[in-house]
Amino acid sequence: MTHSPTPTAAPDLMPAKIVYGLYAVGYVVALTALVGVVYAYVARGKDPVLDSHLTFQIRTFWISLAIAVLAFVTMVVGIGFLIWAFLAIWGLIRVISGFLLANDGKPITGTKHFGIMAY
């Protein structure tokens, strides 16, 4: 009797996918990003692969908030609009690249391109 190796169950990354979705909707309704970060904090600690995504998402939220404050303050001198544009692109790339990894069941092992894209 030959035993075939039992396939390891793929981690449940649905909480990460939900947070990515909340962040994406956050571009229209900002409150959903706040809901997403709270959910990310609550969902941590269940699986290392999931935790890699949730940590990435929590960092994305706080860095985005800091950049948004900088953009708001510098709008007086006109550069804030460029910072808002950078933030929009930076955030979307992080959300999309993270979601694609979660959809494939892969952890986030780091970022490339100055922290813009997850891999």
N, C-alpha and C. Protein backbone atom coordinates (compact mmCIF):
# COMPACT_ATOMS: atom_id res chain seq x y z
N MET A 1 0.85 -1.17 0.00
CA MET A 1 0.00 0.00 0.00
C MET A 1 0.90 1.23 0.00
N THR A 2 0.73 2.05 -0.97
CA THR A 2 1.53 3.26 -1.09
C THR A 2 0.76 4.43 -0.52
N HIS A 3 1.44 5.17 0.32
CA HIS A 3 0.82 6.37 0.89
C HIS A 3 1.23 7.58 0.09
N SER A 4 0.27 8.24 -0.43
CA SER A 4 0.59 9.48 -1.12
C SER A 4 0.60 10.59 -0.08
N PRO A 5 1.49 11.53 -0.25
CA PRO A 5 1.56 12.62 0.72
C PRO A 5 0.25 13.41 0.71
N THR A 6 -0.20 13.70 1.89
CA THR A 6 -1.44 14.47 1.97
C THR A 6 -1.14 15.92 1.64
N PRO A 7 -1.93 16.49 0.78
CA PRO A 7 -1.67 17.89 0.42
C PRO A 7 -1.96 18.78 1.62
N THR A 8 -1.08 19.75 1.79
CA THR A 8 -1.28 20.68 2.89
C THR A 8 -2.40 21.64 2.51
N ALA A 9 -3.21 21.92 3.45
CA ALA A 9 -4.34 22.81 3.20
C ALA A 9 -3.83 24.23 2.97
N ALA A 10 -4.38 24.86 1.98
CA ALA A 10 -4.02 26.25 1.71
C ALA A 10 -4.54 27.12 2.84
N PRO A 11 -3.78 28.10 3.24
CA PRO A 11 -4.24 28.96 4.33
C PRO A 11 -5.49 29.74 3.92
N ASP A 12 -6.34 29.99 4.88
CA ASP A 12 -7.54 30.79 4.62
C ASP A 12 -7.15 32.26 4.61
N LEU A 13 -7.07 32.83 3.44
CA LEU A 13 -6.67 34.23 3.30
C LEU A 13 -7.86 35.16 3.05
N MET A 14 -9.06 34.67 3.31
CA MET A 14 -10.25 35.50 3.09
C MET A 14 -10.21 36.79 3.92
N PRO A 15 -9.76 36.78 5.18
CA PRO A 15 -9.68 38.05 5.91
C PRO A 15 -8.78 39.07 5.20
N ALA A 16 -7.67 38.62 4.65
CA ALA A 16 -6.77 39.52 3.93
C ALA A 16 -7.45 40.06 2.67
N LYS A 17 -8.17 39.20 1.96
CA LYS A 17 -8.87 39.63 0.75
C LYS A 17 -9.95 40.65 1.10
N ILE A 18 -10.62 40.45 2.22
CA ILE A 18 -11.65 41.40 2.65
C ILE A 18 -11.02 42.76 2.94
N VAL A 19 -9.88 42.75 3.63
CA VAL A 19 -9.21 44.02 3.95
C VAL A 19 -8.74 44.70 2.67
N TYR A 20 -8.19 43.93 1.73
CA TYR A 20 -7.79 44.54 0.45
C TYR A 20 -9.01 45.17 -0.23
N GLY A 21 -10.14 44.49 -0.19
CA GLY A 21 -11.36 45.05 -0.78
C GLY A 21 -11.81 46.32 -0.06
N LEU A 22 -11.74 46.32 1.26
CA LEU A 22 -12.11 47.51 2.02
C LEU A 22 -11.18 48.68 1.70
N TYR A 23 -9.90 48.39 1.54
CA TYR A 23 -8.96 49.45 1.18
C TYR A 23 -9.26 49.99 -0.22
N ALA A 24 -9.61 49.10 -1.14
CA ALA A 24 -9.94 49.55 -2.50
C ALA A 24 -11.18 50.44 -2.50
N VAL A 25 -12.19 50.02 -1.75
CA VAL A 25 -13.41 50.84 -1.64
C VAL A 25 -13.10 52.15 -0.90
N GLY A 26 -12.07 52.13 -0.08
CA GLY A 26 -11.66 53.32 0.66
C GLY A 26 -11.30 54.50 -0.22
N TYR A 27 -11.02 54.25 -1.49
CA TYR A 27 -10.76 55.36 -2.40
C TYR A 27 -12.02 56.17 -2.68
N VAL A 28 -13.17 55.57 -2.45
CA VAL A 28 -14.45 56.26 -2.66
C VAL A 28 -15.08 56.63 -1.32
N VAL A 29 -15.05 55.70 -0.38
CA VAL A 29 -15.62 55.90 0.95
C VAL A 29 -14.50 55.67 1.95
N ALA A 30 -13.87 56.73 2.42
CA ALA A 30 -12.66 56.62 3.24
C ALA A 30 -12.87 55.82 4.52
N LEU A 31 -14.06 55.78 5.04
CA LEU A 31 -14.32 55.08 6.29
C LEU A 31 -14.02 53.59 6.18
N THR A 32 -14.16 53.03 5.00
CA THR A 32 -13.91 51.58 4.86
C THR A 32 -12.45 51.24 5.10
N ALA A 33 -11.54 52.16 4.83
CA ALA A 33 -10.13 51.89 5.12
C ALA A 33 -9.91 51.76 6.62
N LEU A 34 -10.59 52.58 7.39
CA LEU A 34 -10.50 52.49 8.85
C LEU A 34 -11.08 51.17 9.34
N VAL A 35 -12.20 50.76 8.77
CA VAL A 35 -12.80 49.46 9.11
C VAL A 35 -11.82 48.35 8.75
N GLY A 36 -11.15 48.48 7.61
CA GLY A 36 -10.20 47.47 7.17
C GLY A 36 -9.03 47.31 8.12
N VAL A 37 -8.47 48.40 8.60
CA VAL A 37 -7.32 48.28 9.50
C VAL A 37 -7.74 47.70 10.85
N VAL A 38 -8.92 48.05 11.32
CA VAL A 38 -9.41 47.46 12.57
C VAL A 38 -9.60 45.96 12.39
N TYR A 39 -10.19 45.55 11.29
CA TYR A 39 -10.39 44.13 11.00
C TYR A 39 -9.04 43.41 10.88
N ALA A 40 -8.04 44.07 10.28
CA ALA A 40 -6.72 43.47 10.14
C ALA A 40 -6.10 43.23 11.52
N TYR A 41 -6.24 44.19 12.42
CA TYR A 41 -5.72 44.00 13.78
C TYR A 41 -6.43 42.84 14.48
N VAL A 42 -7.73 42.73 14.32
CA VAL A 42 -8.51 41.70 14.99
C VAL A 42 -8.21 40.31 14.42
N ALA A 43 -7.98 40.20 13.12
CA ALA A 43 -7.82 38.91 12.46
C ALA A 43 -6.41 38.32 12.59
N ARG A 44 -5.47 39.09 13.13
CA ARG A 44 -4.08 38.60 13.22
C ARG A 44 -3.95 37.44 14.21
N GLY A 45 -2.89 36.64 13.99
CA GLY A 45 -2.53 35.59 14.93
C GLY A 45 -3.07 34.22 14.62
N LYS A 46 -3.67 34.02 13.46
CA LYS A 46 -4.25 32.72 13.14
C LYS A 46 -3.37 31.87 12.23
N ASP A 47 -2.59 32.51 11.38
CA ASP A 47 -1.79 31.79 10.40
C ASP A 47 -0.63 32.69 9.96
N PRO A 48 0.58 32.16 9.83
CA PRO A 48 1.71 33.00 9.43
C PRO A 48 1.56 33.63 8.04
N VAL A 49 0.99 32.91 7.10
CA VAL A 49 0.79 33.48 5.76
C VAL A 49 -0.23 34.61 5.83
N LEU A 50 -1.32 34.39 6.53
CA LEU A 50 -2.33 35.44 6.71
C LEU A 50 -1.72 36.63 7.43
N ASP A 51 -0.93 36.36 8.46
CA ASP A 51 -0.32 37.45 9.22
C ASP A 51 0.61 38.30 8.37
N SER A 52 1.29 37.69 7.39
CA SER A 52 2.16 38.48 6.52
C SER A 52 1.34 39.50 5.74
N HIS A 53 0.16 39.11 5.31
CA HIS A 53 -0.72 40.04 4.58
C HIS A 53 -1.29 41.09 5.52
N LEU A 54 -1.73 40.68 6.69
CA LEU A 54 -2.33 41.63 7.62
C LEU A 54 -1.32 42.65 8.10
N THR A 55 -0.09 42.23 8.36
CA THR A 55 0.95 43.17 8.76
C THR A 55 1.22 44.17 7.64
N PHE A 56 1.28 43.67 6.41
CA PHE A 56 1.48 44.53 5.24
C PHE A 56 0.34 45.54 5.13
N GLN A 57 -0.88 45.09 5.37
CA GLN A 57 -2.04 45.97 5.27
C GLN A 57 -2.05 47.01 6.38
N ILE A 58 -1.67 46.61 7.57
CA ILE A 58 -1.62 47.57 8.68
C ILE A 58 -0.57 48.64 8.39
N ARG A 59 0.59 48.21 7.91
CA ARG A 59 1.63 49.18 7.54
C ARG A 59 1.16 50.09 6.42
N THR A 60 0.46 49.51 5.46
CA THR A 60 -0.06 50.33 4.35
C THR A 60 -0.99 51.42 4.89
N PHE A 61 -1.85 51.07 5.82
CA PHE A 61 -2.78 52.06 6.38
C PHE A 61 -2.02 53.19 7.07
N TRP A 62 -1.09 52.85 7.96
CA TRP A 62 -0.42 53.89 8.74
C TRP A 62 0.51 54.74 7.87
N ILE A 63 1.19 54.13 6.92
CA ILE A 63 2.03 54.92 6.02
C ILE A 63 1.16 55.82 5.15
N SER A 64 0.02 55.30 4.69
CA SER A 64 -0.91 56.11 3.89
C SER A 64 -1.43 57.29 4.70
N LEU A 65 -1.74 57.06 5.95
CA LEU A 65 -2.23 58.15 6.80
C LEU A 65 -1.16 59.22 6.96
N ALA A 66 0.09 58.82 7.18
CA ALA A 66 1.17 59.79 7.32
C ALA A 66 1.38 60.57 6.03
N ILE A 67 1.34 59.90 4.90
CA ILE A 67 1.50 60.58 3.61
C ILE A 67 0.32 61.52 3.37
N ALA A 68 -0.89 61.11 3.74
CA ALA A 68 -2.07 61.96 3.56
C ALA A 68 -1.97 63.23 4.40
N VAL A 69 -1.48 63.10 5.62
CA VAL A 69 -1.30 64.28 6.47
C VAL A 69 -0.27 65.22 5.84
N LEU A 70 0.83 64.65 5.35
CA LEU A 70 1.85 65.46 4.67
C LEU A 70 1.26 66.15 3.44
N ALA A 71 0.46 65.43 2.67
CA ALA A 71 -0.16 66.02 1.48
C ALA A 71 -1.10 67.15 1.86
N PHE A 72 -1.88 66.94 2.91
CA PHE A 72 -2.83 67.97 3.35
C PHE A 72 -2.10 69.23 3.80
N VAL A 73 -1.04 69.06 4.56
CA VAL A 73 -0.29 70.21 5.08
C VAL A 73 0.41 70.95 3.94
N THR A 74 0.93 70.23 2.96
CA THR A 74 1.67 70.88 1.88
C THR A 74 0.79 71.38 0.74
N MET A 75 -0.50 71.20 0.86
CA MET A 75 -1.39 71.74 -0.17
C MET A 75 -1.32 73.27 -0.21
N VAL A 76 -0.95 73.87 0.89
CA VAL A 76 -0.84 75.33 0.97
C VAL A 76 0.19 75.85 -0.03
N VAL A 77 1.27 75.12 -0.21
CA VAL A 77 2.31 75.55 -1.14
C VAL A 77 2.17 74.90 -2.52
N GLY A 78 1.14 74.10 -2.71
CA GLY A 78 0.85 73.53 -4.01
C GLY A 78 1.42 72.15 -4.28
N ILE A 79 2.38 71.71 -3.51
CA ILE A 79 2.98 70.39 -3.75
C ILE A 79 2.10 69.27 -3.22
N GLY A 80 1.17 69.60 -2.35
CA GLY A 80 0.29 68.59 -1.76
C GLY A 80 -0.49 67.81 -2.80
N PHE A 81 -0.85 68.45 -3.89
CA PHE A 81 -1.61 67.77 -4.94
C PHE A 81 -0.78 66.66 -5.59
N LEU A 82 0.51 66.91 -5.76
CA LEU A 82 1.40 65.87 -6.29
C LEU A 82 1.55 64.71 -5.30
N ILE A 83 1.60 65.04 -4.03
CA ILE A 83 1.71 64.01 -3.00
C ILE A 83 0.43 63.17 -2.96
N TRP A 84 -0.74 63.82 -3.12
CA TRP A 84 -2.01 63.06 -3.17
C TRP A 84 -1.99 62.09 -4.35
N ALA A 85 -1.50 62.55 -5.51
CA ALA A 85 -1.44 61.68 -6.69
C ALA A 85 -0.50 60.50 -6.44
N PHE A 86 0.66 60.78 -5.84
CA PHE A 86 1.60 59.71 -5.51
C PHE A 86 0.94 58.71 -4.56
N LEU A 87 0.24 59.21 -3.55
CA LEU A 87 -0.42 58.35 -2.56
C LEU A 87 -1.46 57.44 -3.22
N ALA A 88 -2.22 58.00 -4.14
CA ALA A 88 -3.25 57.20 -4.82
C ALA A 88 -2.62 56.05 -5.61
N ILE A 89 -1.56 56.35 -6.34
CA ILE A 89 -0.91 55.32 -7.14
C ILE A 89 -0.20 54.30 -6.24
N TRP A 90 0.52 54.80 -5.25
CA TRP A 90 1.25 53.94 -4.30
C TRP A 90 0.29 52.97 -3.61
N GLY A 91 -0.82 53.50 -3.13
CA GLY A 91 -1.79 52.66 -2.41
C GLY A 91 -2.44 51.62 -3.32
N LEU A 92 -2.81 52.02 -4.51
CA LEU A 92 -3.44 51.06 -5.43
C LEU A 92 -2.49 49.93 -5.80
N ILE A 93 -1.23 50.26 -6.04
CA ILE A 93 -0.28 49.21 -6.40
C ILE A 93 -0.09 48.25 -5.23
N ARG A 94 -0.03 48.78 -4.00
CA ARG A 94 0.11 47.90 -2.83
C ARG A 94 -1.12 47.01 -2.65
N VAL A 95 -2.30 47.58 -2.84
CA VAL A 95 -3.53 46.80 -2.69
C VAL A 95 -3.63 45.73 -3.77
N ILE A 96 -3.35 46.08 -5.00
CA ILE A 96 -3.47 45.12 -6.10
C ILE A 96 -2.41 44.02 -5.98
N SER A 97 -1.16 44.40 -5.73
CA SER A 97 -0.11 43.39 -5.65
C SER A 97 -0.32 42.46 -4.45
N GLY A 98 -0.77 43.00 -3.34
CA GLY A 98 -1.06 42.17 -2.18
C GLY A 98 -2.23 41.24 -2.42
N PHE A 99 -3.28 41.77 -3.03
CA PHE A 99 -4.45 40.94 -3.32
C PHE A 99 -4.09 39.79 -4.25
N LEU A 100 -3.29 40.06 -5.27
CA LEU A 100 -2.90 39.00 -6.20
C LEU A 100 -2.12 37.90 -5.50
N LEU A 101 -1.25 38.27 -4.56
CA LEU A 101 -0.53 37.26 -3.80
C LEU A 101 -1.48 36.47 -2.90
N ALA A 102 -2.42 37.16 -2.25
CA ALA A 102 -3.39 36.48 -1.40
C ALA A 102 -4.26 35.54 -2.22
N ASN A 103 -4.63 35.97 -3.40
CA ASN A 103 -5.46 35.15 -4.27
C ASN A 103 -4.72 33.87 -4.69
N ASP A 104 -3.39 33.95 -4.80
CA ASP A 104 -2.58 32.78 -5.14
C ASP A 104 -2.20 31.96 -3.91
N GLY A 105 -2.58 32.44 -2.72
CA GLY A 105 -2.26 31.73 -1.48
C GLY A 105 -0.82 31.89 -1.04
N LYS A 106 -0.15 32.92 -1.51
CA LYS A 106 1.26 33.15 -1.19
C LYS A 106 1.41 34.21 -0.11
N PRO A 107 2.43 34.08 0.72
CA PRO A 107 2.67 35.12 1.74
C PRO A 107 3.36 36.33 1.12
N ILE A 108 3.35 37.41 1.84
CA ILE A 108 4.13 38.58 1.45
C ILE A 108 5.49 38.43 2.12
N THR A 109 6.53 38.33 1.32
CA THR A 109 7.86 38.14 1.86
C THR A 109 8.66 39.43 1.89
N GLY A 110 8.16 40.46 1.23
CA GLY A 110 8.86 41.74 1.21
C GLY A 110 8.21 42.67 0.20
N THR A 111 8.88 43.79 -0.01
CA THR A 111 8.41 44.74 -1.01
C THR A 111 9.56 45.11 -1.93
N LYS A 112 9.21 45.56 -3.10
CA LYS A 112 10.24 46.03 -4.03
C LYS A 112 9.79 47.37 -4.61
N HIS A 113 10.68 48.00 -5.31
CA HIS A 113 10.42 49.32 -5.89
C HIS A 113 10.10 50.34 -4.79
N PHE A 114 10.99 50.44 -3.82
CA PHE A 114 10.86 51.39 -2.71
C PHE A 114 9.61 51.17 -1.88
N GLY A 115 9.24 49.92 -1.68
CA GLY A 115 8.10 49.60 -0.84
C GLY A 115 6.75 49.71 -1.51
N ILE A 116 6.75 49.86 -2.82
CA ILE A 116 5.48 50.05 -3.52
C ILE A 116 4.78 48.72 -3.77
N MET A 117 5.51 47.72 -4.22
CA MET A 117 4.89 46.47 -4.66
C MET A 117 5.27 45.31 -3.74
N ALA A 118 4.27 44.52 -3.38
CA ALA A 118 4.51 43.34 -2.54
C ALA A 118 4.99 42.20 -3.41
N TYR A 119 5.83 41.36 -2.83
CA TYR A 119 6.21 40.11 -3.49
C TYR A 119 6.31 39.01 -2.47
